[in-house]
Amino acid sequence: MSGPSPVALFFGTRPQVIKASVLRDALGAAGPVVAVDTGQHYDYALHQIHYDQLGVRPPDAFLDVGSGTHAGQTAALLIACEQWLEEHRPRAAIVIGDTNSTLACALAAAKLRVPVVHVEAGLRATDHLMAEEINRRLVDAIGSLLLAPCERVAVELRRQYPEAVVEVPGDVAYDVLQRALPRLPPLGGVSGYDAAWGDRFVYVTLHRAELVDAPERLTPVVKALGNSPLPCLFAAHPRTAAALEQLDVAANGRVRVTAPIGYLESVALAQRAAVIVTDSGGLQREAYWLGVPCVTVRDETEWVETVERGANQLVGPERVGSLPEVIGVAAQQRGETKWDRGAYGDGHAAGRIARSVAQRF
């Protein structure tokens, strides 16, 4: 007699591969699991390097969708995922976060009446037309099991979706970070880093379309970074790098742009930096857990607790002229201000998620 059908774990972007690295192990310890990589990120620097660095086994299935417009990519993902689901019929479909892969795989599963489990459910921004916001709201609306990173978002999920099961396992990204810390490489080997900086540098990542696709917004940010009191190491996503090349902006030698780097190198830079400047939700939380001041170049953040606890400051694009001053003050406070780092669990979220999935499906 054959055993139970597996659960399917879907992922396809850099942050999702990183989180899947611990989720897959935890789910596998509780029962059969099939890992499906959609291929939404497909080059080595953005994707395969994380398999290699984190010791992640190759996926059981690779949908190889690649890039495209939001509509084109989502449609291709939906078709490919539906075909895979019809052939394999898992007992549940687990999706992570708020990407096009998240939405397409969840929608394909729900249409086939495969229960949807949403990891990192409930996060919200006021910009309801932002691509990530559209994706996560729709996935939460069709999810059977909504797994929130903290109680604040769980309260709203329970109010909005009383038919769904809502639980608070914590944030899987914290599990990944704790696993990675003993394995960080020395900074001397990290692309773009100058040993003369020591820990007196700013680690910068910016990737959101609302910023990098708008030259009138990106230009003032780059100018402000060029006036930073500390040198800036800017790890640029290919999309961001292409946008930077189109800008006629002098950064006064204070900004060094480098290609995308691996997760372990990123954490090593974040751990040593005086300040982090980003629009990435992942890096905001890593800064919070590592005790490094963060400046988020947005008007809002879904990770409200990082601001409330003093770990994160918001500087909207229209206020980036103040960025050099904000960086200077934050750098002076590096190591002086301590904040409670327990807002998103204790680093054992993956195990709780695996147990919940095993119990319910």
Protein backbone atom coordinates (compact mmCIF):
# COMPACT_ATOMS: atom_id res chain seq x y z
CA MET A 1 0.00 0.00 0.00
CA SER A 2 1.46 3.37 -1.02
CA GLY A 3 1.98 6.14 1.52
CA PRO A 4 0.32 9.56 1.60
CA SER A 5 0.68 11.87 -1.37
CA PRO A 6 3.29 14.58 -0.86
CA VAL A 7 2.82 18.24 -0.17
CA ALA A 8 4.21 20.55 -2.86
CA LEU A 9 6.52 23.42 -1.89
CA PHE A 10 6.60 26.08 -4.62
CA PHE A 11 9.29 28.75 -4.95
CA GLY A 12 11.07 30.60 -7.71
CA THR A 13 12.88 33.77 -6.60
CA ARG A 14 16.01 34.49 -4.61
CA PRO A 15 14.24 35.09 -1.25
CA GLN A 16 12.05 32.04 -1.75
CA VAL A 17 14.96 29.70 -2.47
CA ILE A 18 16.58 30.96 0.73
CA LYS A 19 13.46 30.28 2.82
CA ALA A 20 12.74 27.01 1.06
CA SER A 21 16.17 25.82 2.17
CA VAL A 22 14.88 25.34 5.71
CA LEU A 23 11.20 24.72 4.94
CA ARG A 24 11.99 21.76 2.72
CA ASP A 25 14.03 20.03 5.42
CA ALA A 26 11.37 20.61 8.07
CA LEU A 27 8.52 19.46 5.82
CA GLY A 28 10.50 16.41 4.76
CA ALA A 29 11.01 15.38 8.37
CA ALA A 30 7.22 15.41 8.86
CA GLY A 31 6.21 13.62 5.64
CA PRO A 32 6.76 13.45 1.88
CA VAL A 33 7.41 16.77 0.13
CA VAL A 34 8.08 17.71 -3.49
CA ALA A 35 10.08 20.89 -4.17
CA VAL A 36 9.00 22.77 -7.29
CA ASP A 37 11.17 25.62 -8.60
CA THR A 38 9.20 27.80 -11.02
CA GLY A 39 12.30 29.39 -12.52
CA GLN A 40 11.06 32.97 -12.01
CA HIS A 41 14.67 33.93 -11.23
CA TYR A 42 16.89 32.00 -13.54
CA ASP A 43 20.48 33.26 -13.62
CA TYR A 44 23.21 31.97 -11.35
CA ALA A 45 23.83 35.18 -9.40
CA LEU A 46 20.19 35.56 -8.47
CA HIS A 47 19.26 31.95 -7.99
CA GLN A 48 21.52 28.93 -8.38
CA ILE A 49 24.17 30.39 -6.09
CA HIS A 50 21.75 30.02 -3.19
CA TYR A 51 21.29 26.32 -3.88
CA ASP A 52 25.07 25.97 -3.78
CA GLN A 53 25.74 28.12 -0.72
CA LEU A 54 22.94 26.77 1.44
CA GLY A 55 23.44 23.14 0.51
CA VAL A 56 19.95 22.90 -0.97
CA ARG A 57 19.23 19.78 -3.00
CA PRO A 58 18.17 20.40 -6.60
CA PRO A 59 14.40 20.80 -6.95
CA ASP A 60 12.28 17.79 -7.73
CA ALA A 61 10.66 19.74 -10.57
CA PHE A 62 11.74 22.84 -12.49
CA LEU A 63 9.09 24.75 -14.45
CA ASP A 64 11.63 26.99 -16.24
CA VAL A 65 9.29 29.93 -16.77
CA GLY A 66 11.85 32.77 -16.76
CA SER A 67 11.22 36.48 -16.97
CA GLY A 68 8.50 38.56 -18.64
CA THR A 69 5.92 41.21 -17.98
CA HIS A 70 3.75 40.75 -14.92
CA ALA A 71 0.87 39.46 -17.04
CA GLY A 72 3.01 37.31 -19.31
CA GLN A 73 5.07 35.79 -16.52
CA THR A 74 2.06 35.16 -14.28
CA ALA A 75 0.15 33.54 -17.14
CA ALA A 76 3.08 31.29 -18.01
CA LEU A 77 3.51 30.33 -14.37
CA LEU A 78 -0.20 29.59 -14.02
CA ILE A 79 -0.23 27.29 -17.03
CA ALA A 80 2.97 25.46 -16.08
CA CYS A 81 1.89 25.02 -12.47
CA GLU A 82 -1.57 23.77 -13.44
CA GLN A 83 -0.03 21.15 -15.70
CA TRP A 84 2.28 19.98 -12.94
CA LEU A 85 -0.52 19.88 -10.35
CA GLU A 86 -2.84 17.91 -12.61
CA GLU A 87 -0.15 15.29 -13.08
CA HIS A 88 1.02 15.00 -9.47
CA ARG A 89 -1.99 15.98 -7.31
CA PRO A 90 -0.26 16.90 -4.03
CA ARG A 91 -2.35 16.98 -0.88
CA ALA A 92 -1.48 20.68 -0.29
CA ALA A 93 0.35 23.48 -2.10
CA ILE A 94 2.69 25.63 -0.01
CA VAL A 95 3.61 29.07 -1.35
CA ILE A 96 5.87 31.73 0.13
CA GLY A 97 5.60 35.50 0.21
CA ASP A 98 4.24 37.78 -2.49
CA THR A 99 5.82 37.11 -5.89
CA ASN A 100 4.24 36.25 -9.22
CA SER A 101 5.17 32.63 -8.49
CA THR A 102 3.27 32.86 -5.20
CA LEU A 103 0.11 34.08 -6.87
CA ALA A 104 0.19 31.83 -9.92
CA CYS A 105 0.90 28.62 -8.00
CA ALA A 106 -1.73 29.42 -5.37
CA LEU A 107 -4.35 30.22 -8.00
CA ALA A 108 -3.61 27.09 -10.02
CA ALA A 109 -3.88 24.97 -6.86
CA ALA A 110 -7.10 26.59 -5.65
CA LYS A 111 -8.76 26.11 -9.05
CA LEU A 112 -7.95 22.40 -8.78
CA ARG A 113 -9.18 22.30 -5.16
CA VAL A 114 -5.73 21.66 -3.77
CA PRO A 115 -5.53 23.40 -0.36
CA VAL A 116 -3.25 26.44 -0.36
CA VAL A 117 -0.85 27.15 2.52
CA HIS A 118 0.50 30.71 2.53
CA VAL A 119 3.78 31.24 4.37
CA GLU A 120 4.34 34.89 5.33
CA ALA A 121 0.64 35.68 5.13
CA GLY A 122 -1.09 38.85 6.21
CA LEU A 123 1.45 41.55 5.44
CA ARG A 124 -0.08 44.71 4.02
CA ALA A 125 0.90 48.03 2.45
CA THR A 126 -1.37 50.99 1.79
CA ASP A 127 -0.34 51.01 -1.89
CA HIS A 128 -2.89 48.42 -2.97
CA LEU A 129 -1.73 48.52 -6.60
CA MET A 130 1.87 47.56 -5.84
CA ALA A 131 2.56 44.22 -7.52
CA GLU A 132 3.56 42.47 -4.28
CA GLU A 133 0.47 43.81 -2.52
CA ILE A 134 -1.86 42.54 -5.22
CA ASN A 135 -0.25 39.11 -5.06
CA ARG A 136 -0.38 38.63 -1.30
CA ARG A 137 -3.94 39.92 -0.90
CA LEU A 138 -5.22 37.53 -3.54
CA VAL A 139 -3.32 34.57 -2.10
CA ASP A 140 -4.61 35.26 1.42
CA ALA A 141 -8.16 35.36 0.02
CA ILE A 142 -7.91 31.80 -1.36
CA GLY A 143 -5.62 30.25 1.26
CA SER A 144 -6.80 27.46 3.53
CA LEU A 145 -3.95 27.82 6.05
CA LEU A 146 -2.51 31.31 6.56
CA LEU A 147 0.80 31.38 8.41
CA ALA A 148 1.61 34.82 9.79
CA PRO A 149 5.03 36.01 10.97
CA CYS A 150 3.60 37.85 13.99
CA GLU A 151 0.41 38.24 15.98
CA ARG A 152 -0.32 41.77 14.70
CA VAL A 153 -1.01 40.56 11.17
CA ALA A 154 -2.74 37.39 12.38
CA VAL A 155 -5.40 39.46 14.15
CA GLU A 156 -6.37 41.16 10.90
CA LEU A 157 -6.27 37.90 8.95
CA ARG A 158 -8.70 36.27 11.36
CA ARG A 159 -11.05 39.22 10.98
CA GLN A 160 -10.88 39.26 7.18
CA TYR A 161 -10.91 35.52 6.52
CA PRO A 162 -12.86 33.74 9.27
CA GLU A 163 -13.12 30.61 7.11
CA ALA A 164 -9.35 30.18 6.96
CA VAL A 165 -7.10 28.72 9.64
CA VAL A 166 -4.63 31.37 10.83
CA GLU A 167 -1.52 30.49 12.83
CA VAL A 168 1.61 32.37 13.95
CA PRO A 169 4.69 30.18 13.53
CA GLY A 170 7.09 33.12 13.24
CA ASP A 171 9.31 34.13 10.33
CA VAL A 172 11.18 31.44 8.38
CA ALA A 173 13.77 34.05 7.38
CA TYR A 174 14.96 34.07 11.00
CA ASP A 175 15.48 30.30 10.86
CA VAL A 176 17.62 30.78 7.74
CA LEU A 177 19.66 33.58 9.28
CA GLN A 178 20.47 31.57 12.40
CA ARG A 179 21.57 28.63 10.28
CA ALA A 180 23.74 30.89 8.11
CA LEU A 181 25.60 32.86 10.79
CA PRO A 182 28.24 30.20 11.55
CA ARG A 183 29.03 29.90 7.84
CA LEU A 184 29.62 33.51 6.82
CA PRO A 185 32.63 34.18 4.59
CA PRO A 186 35.31 36.74 5.49
CA LEU A 187 34.54 40.15 4.05
CA GLY A 188 37.88 40.28 2.27
CA GLY A 189 36.53 37.94 -0.37
CA VAL A 190 33.22 39.73 -0.93
CA SER A 191 32.96 41.52 -4.26
CA GLY A 192 33.25 45.30 -3.94
CA TYR A 193 34.25 45.41 -0.30
CA ASP A 194 37.33 47.49 0.59
CA ALA A 195 39.24 46.25 3.63
CA ALA A 196 40.21 49.85 4.39
CA TRP A 197 36.59 50.51 5.29
CA GLY A 198 36.55 48.12 8.24
CA ASP A 199 33.01 48.38 9.54
CA ARG A 200 32.59 52.04 8.55
CA PHE A 201 30.52 51.56 5.42
CA VAL A 202 26.89 51.54 4.28
CA TYR A 203 25.45 48.40 2.69
CA VAL A 204 22.88 49.38 0.04
CA THR A 205 20.32 47.35 -1.90
CA LEU A 206 17.42 48.87 -3.86
CA HIS A 207 15.23 46.85 -6.20
CA ARG A 208 11.54 47.77 -6.04
CA ALA A 209 10.03 48.74 -9.38
CA GLU A 210 8.36 51.80 -7.86
CA LEU A 211 11.85 53.22 -7.26
CA VAL A 212 14.26 51.79 -9.83
CA ASP A 213 11.90 52.12 -12.79
CA ALA A 214 11.35 55.82 -12.07
CA PRO A 215 14.45 57.92 -12.89
CA GLU A 216 12.94 60.95 -11.19
CA ARG A 217 12.91 58.95 -7.94
CA LEU A 218 16.11 56.96 -8.32
CA THR A 219 18.31 59.92 -9.29
CA PRO A 220 17.86 61.83 -6.01
CA VAL A 221 18.54 58.65 -4.03
CA VAL A 222 21.84 58.05 -5.82
CA LYS A 223 22.81 61.71 -5.39
CA ALA A 224 22.04 61.49 -1.68
CA LEU A 225 24.11 58.32 -1.31
CA GLY A 226 26.95 60.16 -3.04
CA ASN A 227 26.86 62.66 -0.16
CA SER A 228 26.90 59.96 2.50
CA PRO A 229 29.39 60.49 5.35
CA LEU A 230 30.45 56.85 4.84
CA PRO A 231 31.30 54.93 1.66
CA CYS A 232 28.44 52.92 0.22
CA LEU A 233 28.62 49.41 -1.22
CA PHE A 234 25.61 49.09 -3.54
CA ALA A 235 24.79 45.48 -4.47
CA ALA A 236 22.67 46.02 -7.56
CA HIS A 237 20.05 43.65 -8.93
CA PRO A 238 20.40 43.48 -12.75
CA ARG A 239 17.30 45.61 -13.15
CA THR A 240 18.73 48.22 -10.78
CA ALA A 241 22.15 48.09 -12.45
CA ALA A 242 20.54 48.76 -15.84
CA ALA A 243 18.65 51.72 -14.38
CA LEU A 244 21.81 53.13 -12.79
CA GLU A 245 23.62 52.98 -16.11
CA GLN A 246 20.97 55.24 -17.62
CA LEU A 247 21.39 57.91 -14.95
CA ASP A 248 23.79 60.79 -15.45
CA VAL A 249 24.57 61.09 -11.76
CA ALA A 250 27.92 61.73 -10.13
CA ALA A 251 28.21 59.90 -6.81
CA ASN A 252 31.44 61.66 -5.69
CA GLY A 253 33.23 58.35 -5.44
CA ARG A 254 31.22 57.43 -2.34
CA VAL A 255 29.12 54.76 -4.03
CA ARG A 256 30.65 51.51 -5.28
CA VAL A 257 28.24 49.43 -7.36
CA THR A 258 28.75 45.68 -7.47
CA ALA A 259 26.88 42.79 -9.05
CA PRO A 260 24.33 40.76 -7.05
CA ILE A 261 25.99 38.74 -4.31
CA GLY A 262 25.13 35.50 -2.59
CA TYR A 263 23.02 35.23 0.54
CA LEU A 264 25.96 34.43 2.81
CA GLU A 265 27.97 37.39 1.47
CA SER A 266 24.95 39.62 1.92
CA VAL A 267 24.54 38.61 5.55
CA ALA A 268 28.27 39.09 6.14
CA LEU A 269 28.05 42.64 4.79
CA ALA A 270 24.88 43.36 6.76
CA GLN A 271 26.44 42.10 9.98
CA ARG A 272 29.51 44.33 9.64
CA ALA A 273 27.95 47.45 8.10
CA ALA A 274 27.55 50.63 10.10
CA VAL A 275 24.17 51.24 8.45
CA ILE A 276 21.97 49.43 5.93
CA VAL A 277 20.00 51.35 3.28
CA THR A 278 17.42 49.27 1.45
CA ASP A 279 13.89 48.83 0.19
CA SER A 280 14.03 45.05 0.77
CA GLY A 281 11.76 43.51 3.38
CA GLY A 282 14.24 40.68 3.88
CA LEU A 283 17.16 42.97 4.59
CA GLN A 284 15.06 45.10 6.94
CA ARG A 285 14.45 42.06 9.13
CA GLU A 286 18.03 40.87 8.90
CA ALA A 287 19.23 44.28 10.06
CA TYR A 288 16.72 44.12 12.92
CA TRP A 289 17.93 40.67 14.02
CA LEU A 290 21.61 41.56 13.60
CA GLY A 291 21.32 44.78 15.60
CA VAL A 292 22.33 47.03 12.68
CA PRO A 293 20.51 50.36 12.07
CA CYS A 294 18.43 50.27 8.91
CA VAL A 295 17.15 53.07 6.69
CA THR A 296 14.32 52.01 4.39
CA VAL A 297 13.81 54.13 1.27
CA ARG A 298 10.04 53.87 1.26
CA ASP A 299 7.10 55.77 2.73
CA GLU A 300 5.99 52.65 4.59
CA THR A 301 7.04 49.14 5.53
CA GLU A 302 5.07 45.95 5.98
CA TRP A 303 7.46 45.09 8.82
CA VAL A 304 6.03 47.69 11.18
CA GLU A 305 7.65 46.25 14.29
CA THR A 306 11.14 47.10 13.02
CA VAL A 307 10.18 50.79 13.05
CA GLU A 308 8.24 50.65 16.31
CA ARG A 309 11.22 49.08 18.09
CA GLY A 310 13.72 51.63 16.83
CA ALA A 311 15.64 49.40 14.44
CA ASN A 312 14.42 50.95 11.20
CA GLN A 313 13.75 54.46 9.87
CA LEU A 314 11.61 55.29 6.86
CA VAL A 315 12.87 57.88 4.39
CA GLY A 316 10.43 58.25 1.53
CA PRO A 317 11.73 59.08 -1.95
CA GLU A 318 10.51 62.65 -1.60
CA ARG A 319 12.65 63.10 1.54
CA VAL A 320 15.90 61.51 0.36
CA GLY A 321 17.71 64.83 0.64
CA SER A 322 17.93 64.03 4.35
CA LEU A 323 19.50 60.64 3.70
CA PRO A 324 23.14 61.66 4.37
CA GLU A 325 22.18 63.13 7.74
CA VAL A 326 20.06 60.11 8.65
CA ILE A 327 22.93 57.78 7.73
CA GLY A 328 25.36 59.82 9.85
CA VAL A 329 23.15 59.76 12.94
CA ALA A 330 22.40 56.05 12.54
CA ALA A 331 26.10 55.26 12.18
CA GLN A 332 26.86 57.09 15.41
CA GLN A 333 24.23 55.03 17.20
CA ARG A 334 25.54 51.71 15.85
CA GLY A 335 25.92 49.39 18.83
CA GLU A 336 24.52 51.88 21.32
CA THR A 337 20.81 51.30 20.85
CA LYS A 338 19.46 47.87 21.75
CA TRP A 339 16.03 46.72 20.72
CA ASP A 340 13.89 43.69 21.41
CA ARG A 341 14.53 41.26 18.55
CA GLY A 342 11.69 38.84 19.25
CA ALA A 343 8.91 40.36 17.13
CA TYR A 344 8.95 37.56 14.54
CA GLY A 345 9.43 34.44 16.59
CA ASP A 346 12.38 32.49 17.91
CA GLY A 347 13.96 30.95 14.82
CA HIS A 348 11.92 27.73 14.83
CA ALA A 349 9.18 28.72 12.40
CA ALA A 350 9.89 26.00 9.82
CA GLY A 351 9.32 23.19 12.30
CA ARG A 352 6.02 24.70 13.44
CA ILE A 353 4.90 25.09 9.84
CA ALA A 354 5.76 21.48 9.05
CA ARG A 355 3.84 20.19 12.06
CA SER A 356 0.81 22.31 11.21
CA VAL A 357 0.77 21.11 7.59
CA ALA A 358 1.16 17.48 8.66
CA GLN A 359 -1.71 17.79 11.14
CA ARG A 360 -4.15 19.48 8.78
CA PHE A 361 -3.55 17.87 5.38
